Amino acid sequence: MVWWKNPKRSKFGRWLDKIGIQQKDFADKSKVSRATISKLCNDSYYSPGASVLKKVMKTIRTIDGSKRPDDFFDI
């Protein structure tokens, strides 16, 4: 449960909050650093590189198979 709300939270960060997954758990599952996941969640202008995007989307699809990169990132 989130005890505060960040108005600048990215689409990816809001999605993680909605489904109830913590950033550190997602980082462990996706094999992406916690710092990168934090940046993805809190910086709406950050665009991940190809390898990070691939790992993140693979993990997202294990949770919700209908999600696409366009749902979270401006690519």
PDB file of N, CA and C in Angstrom:
ATOM      1  N   MET A   1       0.834  -1.181   0.000  1.00  0.00           N
ATOM      2  CA  MET A   1       0.000   0.000   0.000  1.00  0.00           C
ATOM      3  C   MET A   1       0.875   1.238   0.000  1.00  0.00           C
ATOM      4  N   VAL A   2       0.516   2.191  -0.813  1.00  0.00           N
ATOM      5  CA  VAL A   2       1.279   3.417  -0.946  1.00  0.00           C
ATOM      6  C   VAL A   2       0.811   4.406   0.107  1.00  0.00           C
ATOM      7  N   TRP A   3       1.743   4.927   0.871  1.00  0.00           N
ATOM      8  CA  TRP A   3       1.383   5.862   1.936  1.00  0.00           C
ATOM      9  C   TRP A   3       1.455   7.296   1.477  1.00  0.00           C
ATOM     10  N   TRP A   4       1.904   7.538   0.275  1.00  0.00           N
ATOM     11  CA  TRP A   4       1.917   8.877  -0.297  1.00  0.00           C
ATOM     12  C   TRP A   4       1.682   8.759  -1.786  1.00  0.00           C
ATOM     13  N   LYS A   5       1.252   9.846  -2.380  1.00  0.00           N
ATOM     14  CA  LYS A   5       1.017   9.835  -3.822  1.00  0.00           C
ATOM     15  C   LYS A   5       1.896  10.877  -4.485  1.00  0.00           C
ATOM     16  N   ASN A   6       2.642  10.454  -5.479  1.00  0.00           N
ATOM     17  CA  ASN A   6       3.509  11.334  -6.232  1.00  0.00           C
ATOM     18  C   ASN A   6       2.749  11.802  -7.471  1.00  0.00           C
ATOM     19  N   PRO A   7       2.459  13.081  -7.588  1.00  0.00           N
ATOM     20  CA  PRO A   7       1.697  13.547  -8.750  1.00  0.00           C
ATOM     21  C   PRO A   7       2.465  13.407 -10.065  1.00  0.00           C
ATOM     22  N   LYS A   8       3.790  13.257 -10.003  1.00  0.00           N
ATOM     23  CA  LYS A   8       4.601  13.138 -11.204  1.00  0.00           C
ATOM     24  C   LYS A   8       4.925  11.685 -11.541  1.00  0.00           C
ATOM     25  N   ARG A   9       4.228  10.766 -10.944  1.00  0.00           N
ATOM     26  CA  ARG A   9       4.479   9.336 -11.165  1.00  0.00           C
ATOM     27  C   ARG A   9       4.184   8.986 -12.627  1.00  0.00           C
ATOM     28  N   SER A  10       5.010   8.156 -13.218  1.00  0.00           N
ATOM     29  CA  SER A  10       4.834   7.774 -14.624  1.00  0.00           C
ATOM     30  C   SER A  10       3.693   6.773 -14.766  1.00  0.00           C
ATOM     31  N   LYS A  11       3.343   6.474 -16.007  1.00  0.00           N
ATOM     32  CA  LYS A  11       2.290   5.494 -16.271  1.00  0.00           C
ATOM     33  C   LYS A  11       2.689   4.132 -15.712  1.00  0.00           C
ATOM     34  N   PHE A  12       3.947   3.785 -15.860  1.00  0.00           N
ATOM     35  CA  PHE A  12       4.443   2.512 -15.343  1.00  0.00           C
ATOM     36  C   PHE A  12       4.347   2.472 -13.813  1.00  0.00           C
ATOM     37  N   GLY A  13       4.718   3.567 -13.163  1.00  0.00           N
ATOM     38  CA  GLY A  13       4.641   3.650 -11.705  1.00  0.00           C
ATOM     39  C   GLY A  13       3.210   3.553 -11.195  1.00  0.00           C
ATOM     40  N   ARG A  14       2.295   4.226 -11.880  1.00  0.00           N
ATOM     41  CA  ARG A  14       0.881   4.158 -11.493  1.00  0.00           C
ATOM     42  C   ARG A  14       0.333   2.751 -11.688  1.00  0.00           C
ATOM     43  N   TRP A  15       0.779   2.060 -12.743  1.00  0.00           N
ATOM     44  CA  TRP A  15       0.345   0.681 -12.980  1.00  0.00           C
ATOM     45  C   TRP A  15       0.846  -0.246 -11.874  1.00  0.00           C
ATOM     46  N   LEU A  16       2.105  -0.087 -11.472  1.00  0.00           N
ATOM     47  CA  LEU A  16       2.633  -0.906 -10.372  1.00  0.00           C
ATOM     48  C   LEU A  16       1.835  -0.661  -9.090  1.00  0.00           C
ATOM     49  N   ASP A  17       1.516   0.603  -8.807  1.00  0.00           N
ATOM     50  CA  ASP A  17       0.720   0.931  -7.627  1.00  0.00           C
ATOM     51  C   ASP A  17      -0.660   0.288  -7.700  1.00  0.00           C
ATOM     52  N   LYS A  18      -1.263   0.332  -8.880  1.00  0.00           N
ATOM     53  CA  LYS A  18      -2.614  -0.192  -9.066  1.00  0.00           C
ATOM     54  C   LYS A  18      -2.684  -1.695  -8.826  1.00  0.00           C
ATOM     55  N   ILE A  19      -1.685  -2.431  -9.307  1.00  0.00           N
ATOM     56  CA  ILE A  19      -1.727  -3.879  -9.138  1.00  0.00           C
ATOM     57  C   ILE A  19      -1.079  -4.334  -7.838  1.00  0.00           C
ATOM     58  N   GLY A  20      -0.440  -3.402  -7.121  1.00  0.00           N
ATOM     59  CA  GLY A  20       0.073  -3.706  -5.794  1.00  0.00           C
ATOM     60  C   GLY A  20       1.432  -4.375  -5.744  1.00  0.00           C
ATOM     61  N   ILE A  21       2.263  -4.117  -6.723  1.00  0.00           N
ATOM     62  CA  ILE A  21       3.622  -4.672  -6.721  1.00  0.00           C
ATOM     63  C   ILE A  21       4.599  -3.579  -6.320  1.00  0.00           C
ATOM     64  N   GLN A  22       5.508  -3.907  -5.420  1.00  0.00           N
ATOM     65  CA  GLN A  22       6.518  -2.950  -5.001  1.00  0.00           C
ATOM     66  C   GLN A  22       7.641  -2.902  -6.029  1.00  0.00           C
ATOM     67  N   GLN A  23       8.304  -1.756  -6.111  1.00  0.00           N
ATOM     68  CA  GLN A  23       9.376  -1.568  -7.074  1.00  0.00           C
ATOM     69  C   GLN A  23      10.495  -2.589  -6.878  1.00  0.00           C
ATOM     70  N   LYS A  24      10.872  -2.851  -5.635  1.00  0.00           N
ATOM     71  CA  LYS A  24      11.979  -3.779  -5.384  1.00  0.00           C
ATOM     72  C   LYS A  24      11.622  -5.199  -5.810  1.00  0.00           C
ATOM     73  N   ASP A  25      10.363  -5.592  -5.634  1.00  0.00           N
ATOM     74  CA  ASP A  25       9.930  -6.920  -6.068  1.00  0.00           C
ATOM     75  C   ASP A  25       9.954  -7.030  -7.592  1.00  0.00           C
ATOM     76  N   PHE A  26       9.508  -5.974  -8.261  1.00  0.00           N
ATOM     77  CA  PHE A  26       9.523  -5.976  -9.722  1.00  0.00           C
ATOM     78  C   PHE A  26      10.960  -5.993 -10.231  1.00  0.00           C
ATOM     79  N   ALA A  27      11.844  -5.259  -9.569  1.00  0.00           N
ATOM     80  CA  ALA A  27      13.257  -5.227  -9.974  1.00  0.00           C
ATOM     81  C   ALA A  27      13.887  -6.610  -9.833  1.00  0.00           C
ATOM     82  N   ASP A  28      13.601  -7.288  -8.735  1.00  0.00           N
ATOM     83  CA  ASP A  28      14.147  -8.631  -8.534  1.00  0.00           C
ATOM     84  C   ASP A  28      13.622  -9.600  -9.584  1.00  0.00           C
ATOM     85  N   LYS A  29      12.353  -9.522  -9.878  1.00  0.00           N
ATOM     86  CA  LYS A  29      11.735 -10.438 -10.834  1.00  0.00           C
ATOM     87  C   LYS A  29      12.217 -10.184 -12.260  1.00  0.00           C
ATOM     88  N   SER A  30      12.421  -8.917 -12.616  1.00  0.00           N
ATOM     89  CA  SER A  30      12.802  -8.573 -13.986  1.00  0.00           C
ATOM     90  C   SER A  30      14.306  -8.567 -14.216  1.00  0.00           C
ATOM     91  N   LYS A  31      15.089  -8.667 -13.147  1.00  0.00           N
ATOM     92  CA  LYS A  31      16.557  -8.626 -13.241  1.00  0.00           C
ATOM     93  C   LYS A  31      17.066  -7.271 -13.756  1.00  0.00           C
ATOM     94  N   VAL A  32      16.339  -6.204 -13.393  1.00  0.00           N
ATOM     95  CA  VAL A  32      16.734  -4.836 -13.706  1.00  0.00           C
ATOM     96  C   VAL A  32      17.038  -4.160 -12.376  1.00  0.00           C
ATOM     97  N   SER A  33      18.026  -3.268 -12.349  1.00  0.00           N
ATOM     98  CA  SER A  33      18.422  -2.647 -11.082  1.00  0.00           C
ATOM     99  C   SER A  33      17.279  -1.854 -10.456  1.00  0.00           C
ATOM    100  N   ARG A  34      17.318  -1.752  -9.137  1.00  0.00           N
ATOM    101  CA  ARG A  34      16.284  -1.010  -8.412  1.00  0.00           C
ATOM    102  C   ARG A  34      16.309   0.468  -8.785  1.00  0.00           C
ATOM    103  N   ALA A  35      17.500   0.995  -9.059  1.00  0.00           N
ATOM    104  CA  ALA A  35      17.615   2.405  -9.445  1.00  0.00           C
ATOM    105  C   ALA A  35      16.924   2.672 -10.784  1.00  0.00           C
ATOM    106  N   THR A  36      17.073   1.744 -11.713  1.00  0.00           N
ATOM    107  CA  THR A  36      16.429   1.904 -13.021  1.00  0.00           C
ATOM    108  C   THR A  36      14.915   1.799 -12.902  1.00  0.00           C
ATOM    109  N   ILE A  37      14.432   0.855 -12.104  1.00  0.00           N
ATOM    110  CA  ILE A  37      12.988   0.720 -11.898  1.00  0.00           C
ATOM    111  C   ILE A  37      12.443   1.968 -11.222  1.00  0.00           C
ATOM    112  N   SER A  38      13.178   2.509 -10.279  1.00  0.00           N
ATOM    113  CA  SER A  38      12.759   3.739  -9.610  1.00  0.00           C
ATOM    114  C   SER A  38      12.659   4.887 -10.609  1.00  0.00           C
ATOM    115  N   LYS A  39      13.628   4.976 -11.499  1.00  0.00           N
ATOM    116  CA  LYS A  39      13.608   6.029 -12.510  1.00  0.00           C
ATOM    117  C   LYS A  39      12.428   5.827 -13.470  1.00  0.00           C
ATOM    118  N   LEU A  40      12.156   4.576 -13.834  1.00  0.00           N
ATOM    119  CA  LEU A  40      11.013   4.285 -14.710  1.00  0.00           C
ATOM    120  C   LEU A  40       9.692   4.678 -14.050  1.00  0.00           C
ATOM    121  N   CYS A  41       9.609   4.504 -12.734  1.00  0.00           N
ATOM    122  CA  CYS A  41       8.372   4.794 -12.007  1.00  0.00           C
ATOM    123  C   CYS A  41       8.166   6.271 -11.726  1.00  0.00           C
ATOM    124  N   ASN A  42       9.244   7.003 -11.526  1.00  0.00           N
ATOM    125  CA  ASN A  42       9.117   8.379 -11.059  1.00  0.00           C
ATOM    126  C   ASN A  42       9.434   9.453 -12.086  1.00  0.00           C
ATOM    127  N   ASP A  43      10.088   9.090 -13.165  1.00  0.00           N
ATOM    128  CA  ASP A  43      10.444  10.068 -14.194  1.00  0.00           C
ATOM    129  C   ASP A  43       9.662   9.755 -15.460  1.00  0.00           C
ATOM    130  N   SER A  44       8.627  10.523 -15.725  1.00  0.00           N
ATOM    131  CA  SER A  44       7.756  10.234 -16.870  1.00  0.00           C
ATOM    132  C   SER A  44       8.431  10.528 -18.203  1.00  0.00           C
ATOM    133  N   TYR A  45       9.580  11.207 -18.204  1.00  0.00           N
ATOM    134  CA  TYR A  45      10.293  11.517 -19.441  1.00  0.00           C
ATOM    135  C   TYR A  45      11.421  10.531 -19.740  1.00  0.00           C
ATOM    136  N   TYR A  46      11.695   9.619 -18.825  1.00  0.00           N
ATOM    137  CA  TYR A  46      12.771   8.649 -19.015  1.00  0.00           C
ATOM    138  C   TYR A  46      12.331   7.577 -20.010  1.00  0.00           C
ATOM    139  N   SER A  47      13.193   7.310 -20.980  1.00  0.00           N
ATOM    140  CA  SER A  47      12.914   6.278 -21.972  1.00  0.00           C
ATOM    141  C   SER A  47      13.982   5.189 -21.829  1.00  0.00           C
ATOM    142  N   PRO A  48      13.600   3.960 -21.507  1.00  0.00           N
ATOM    143  CA  PRO A  48      14.584   2.902 -21.284  1.00  0.00           C
ATOM    144  C   PRO A  48      15.239   2.439 -22.578  1.00  0.00           C
ATOM    145  N   GLY A  49      16.438   1.893 -22.435  1.00  0.00           N
ATOM    146  CA  GLY A  49      17.136   1.312 -23.578  1.00  0.00           C
ATOM    147  C   GLY A  49      16.475   0.007 -23.989  1.00  0.00           C
ATOM    148  N   ALA A  50      16.937  -0.543 -25.094  1.00  0.00           N
ATOM    149  CA  ALA A  50      16.318  -1.744 -25.668  1.00  0.00           C
ATOM    150  C   ALA A  50      16.400  -2.950 -24.735  1.00  0.00           C
ATOM    151  N   SER A  51      17.550  -3.173 -24.110  1.00  0.00           N
ATOM    152  CA  SER A  51      17.684  -4.356 -23.250  1.00  0.00           C
ATOM    153  C   SER A  51      16.826  -4.235 -21.993  1.00  0.00           C
ATOM    154  N   VAL A  52      16.775  -3.043 -21.411  1.00  0.00           N
ATOM    155  CA  VAL A  52      15.948  -2.827 -20.217  1.00  0.00           C
ATOM    156  C   VAL A  52      14.479  -2.949 -20.585  1.00  0.00           C
ATOM    157  N   LEU A  53      14.095  -2.365 -21.705  1.00  0.00           N
ATOM    158  CA  LEU A  53      12.701  -2.433 -22.149  1.00  0.00           C
ATOM    159  C   LEU A  53      12.272  -3.879 -22.369  1.00  0.00           C
ATOM    160  N   LYS A  54      13.144  -4.667 -22.958  1.00  0.00           N
ATOM    161  CA  LYS A  54      12.826  -6.074 -23.217  1.00  0.00           C
ATOM    162  C   LYS A  54      12.597  -6.832 -21.910  1.00  0.00           C
ATOM    163  N   LYS A  55      13.476  -6.623 -20.910  1.00  0.00           N
ATOM    164  CA  LYS A  55      13.334  -7.302 -19.616  1.00  0.00           C
ATOM    165  C   LYS A  55      12.071  -6.858 -18.891  1.00  0.00           C
ATOM    166  N   VAL A  56      11.809  -5.556 -18.912  1.00  0.00           N
ATOM    167  CA  VAL A  56      10.640  -5.012 -18.221  1.00  0.00           C
ATOM    168  C   VAL A  56       9.356  -5.517 -18.867  1.00  0.00           C
ATOM    169  N   MET A  57       9.291  -5.491 -20.187  1.00  0.00           N
ATOM    170  CA  MET A  57       8.074  -5.929 -20.874  1.00  0.00           C
ATOM    171  C   MET A  57       7.857  -7.430 -20.724  1.00  0.00           C
ATOM    172  N   LYS A  58       8.919  -8.204 -20.673  1.00  0.00           N
ATOM    173  CA  LYS A  58       8.777  -9.649 -20.459  1.00  0.00           C
ATOM    174  C   LYS A  58       8.139  -9.919 -19.100  1.00  0.00           C
ATOM    175  N   THR A  59       8.562  -9.175 -18.098  1.00  0.00           N
ATOM    176  CA  THR A  59       8.006  -9.329 -16.751  1.00  0.00           C
ATOM    177  C   THR A  59       6.572  -8.821 -16.693  1.00  0.00           C
ATOM    178  N   ILE A  60       6.298  -7.701 -17.338  1.00  0.00           N
ATOM    179  CA  ILE A  60       4.936  -7.154 -17.365  1.00  0.00           C
ATOM    180  C   ILE A  60       3.982  -8.156 -18.004  1.00  0.00           C
ATOM    181  N   ARG A  61       4.418  -8.785 -19.072  1.00  0.00           N
ATOM    182  CA  ARG A  61       3.541  -9.727 -19.781  1.00  0.00           C
ATOM    183  C   ARG A  61       3.265 -10.994 -18.976  1.00  0.00           C
ATOM    184  N   THR A  62       4.119 -11.319 -18.008  1.00  0.00           N
ATOM    185  CA  THR A  62       3.807 -12.461 -17.139  1.00  0.00           C
ATOM    186  C   THR A  62       2.653 -12.112 -16.207  1.00  0.00           C
ATOM    187  N   ILE A  63       2.467 -10.818 -15.951  1.00  0.00           N
ATOM    188  CA  ILE A  63       1.394 -10.353 -15.074  1.00  0.00           C
ATOM    189  C   ILE A  63       0.130 -10.060 -15.882  1.00  0.00           C
ATOM    190  N   ASP A  64       0.288  -9.338 -16.982  1.00  0.00           N
ATOM    191  CA  ASP A  64      -0.838  -8.971 -17.844  1.00  0.00           C
ATOM    192  C   ASP A  64      -0.387  -9.059 -19.294  1.00  0.00           C
ATOM    193  N   GLY A  65      -0.783 -10.097 -19.964  1.00  0.00           N
ATOM    194  CA  GLY A  65      -0.343 -10.363 -21.327  1.00  0.00           C
ATOM    195  C   GLY A  65      -0.821  -9.382 -22.374  1.00  0.00           C
ATOM    196  N   SER A  66      -1.771  -8.547 -22.046  1.00  0.00           N
ATOM    197  CA  SER A  66      -2.307  -7.611 -23.040  1.00  0.00           C
ATOM    198  C   SER A  66      -1.554  -6.280 -23.088  1.00  0.00           C
ATOM    199  N   LYS A  67      -0.612  -6.057 -22.208  1.00  0.00           N
ATOM    200  CA  LYS A  67       0.110  -4.779 -22.155  1.00  0.00           C
ATOM    201  C   LYS A  67       1.179  -4.709 -23.242  1.00  0.00           C
ATOM    202  N   ARG A  68       1.360  -3.477 -23.763  1.00  0.00           N
ATOM    203  CA  ARG A  68       2.350  -3.214 -24.793  1.00  0.00           C
ATOM    204  C   ARG A  68       3.270  -2.095 -24.315  1.00  0.00           C
ATOM    205  N   PRO A  69       4.448  -1.953 -24.889  1.00  0.00           N
ATOM    206  CA  PRO A  69       5.349  -0.862 -24.486  1.00  0.00           C
ATOM    207  C   PRO A  69       4.715   0.524 -24.608  1.00  0.00           C
ATOM    208  N   ASP A  70       3.852   0.701 -25.603  1.00  0.00           N
ATOM    209  CA  ASP A  70       3.186   2.002 -25.797  1.00  0.00           C
ATOM    210  C   ASP A  70       2.264   2.365 -24.639  1.00  0.00           C
ATOM    211  N   ASP A  71       1.835   1.381 -23.872  1.00  0.00           N
ATOM    212  CA  ASP A  71       0.967   1.650 -22.726  1.00  0.00           C
ATOM    213  C   ASP A  71       1.710   2.367 -21.599  1.00  0.00           C
ATOM    214  N   PHE A  72       3.040   2.237 -21.568  1.00  0.00           N
ATOM    215  CA  PHE A  72       3.827   2.790 -20.475  1.00  0.00           C
ATOM    216  C   PHE A  72       4.839   3.843 -20.899  1.00  0.00           C
ATOM    217  N   PHE A  73       5.424   3.670 -22.072  1.00  0.00           N
ATOM    218  CA  PHE A  73       6.546   4.510 -22.468  1.00  0.00           C
ATOM    219  C   PHE A  73       6.275   5.186 -23.812  1.00  0.00           C
ATOM    220  N   ASP A  74       6.808   6.393 -23.975  1.00  0.00           N
ATOM    221  CA  ASP A  74       6.707   7.123 -25.238  1.00  0.00           C
ATOM    222  C   ASP A  74       7.888   6.740 -26.114  1.00  0.00           C
ATOM    223  N   ILE A  75       7.652   5.755 -26.948  1.00  0.00           N
ATOM    224  CA  ILE A  75       8.746   5.243 -27.789  1.00  0.00           C
ATOM    225  C   ILE A  75       8.500   5.641 -29.224  1.00  0.00           C
TER     226      ILE A  75
END
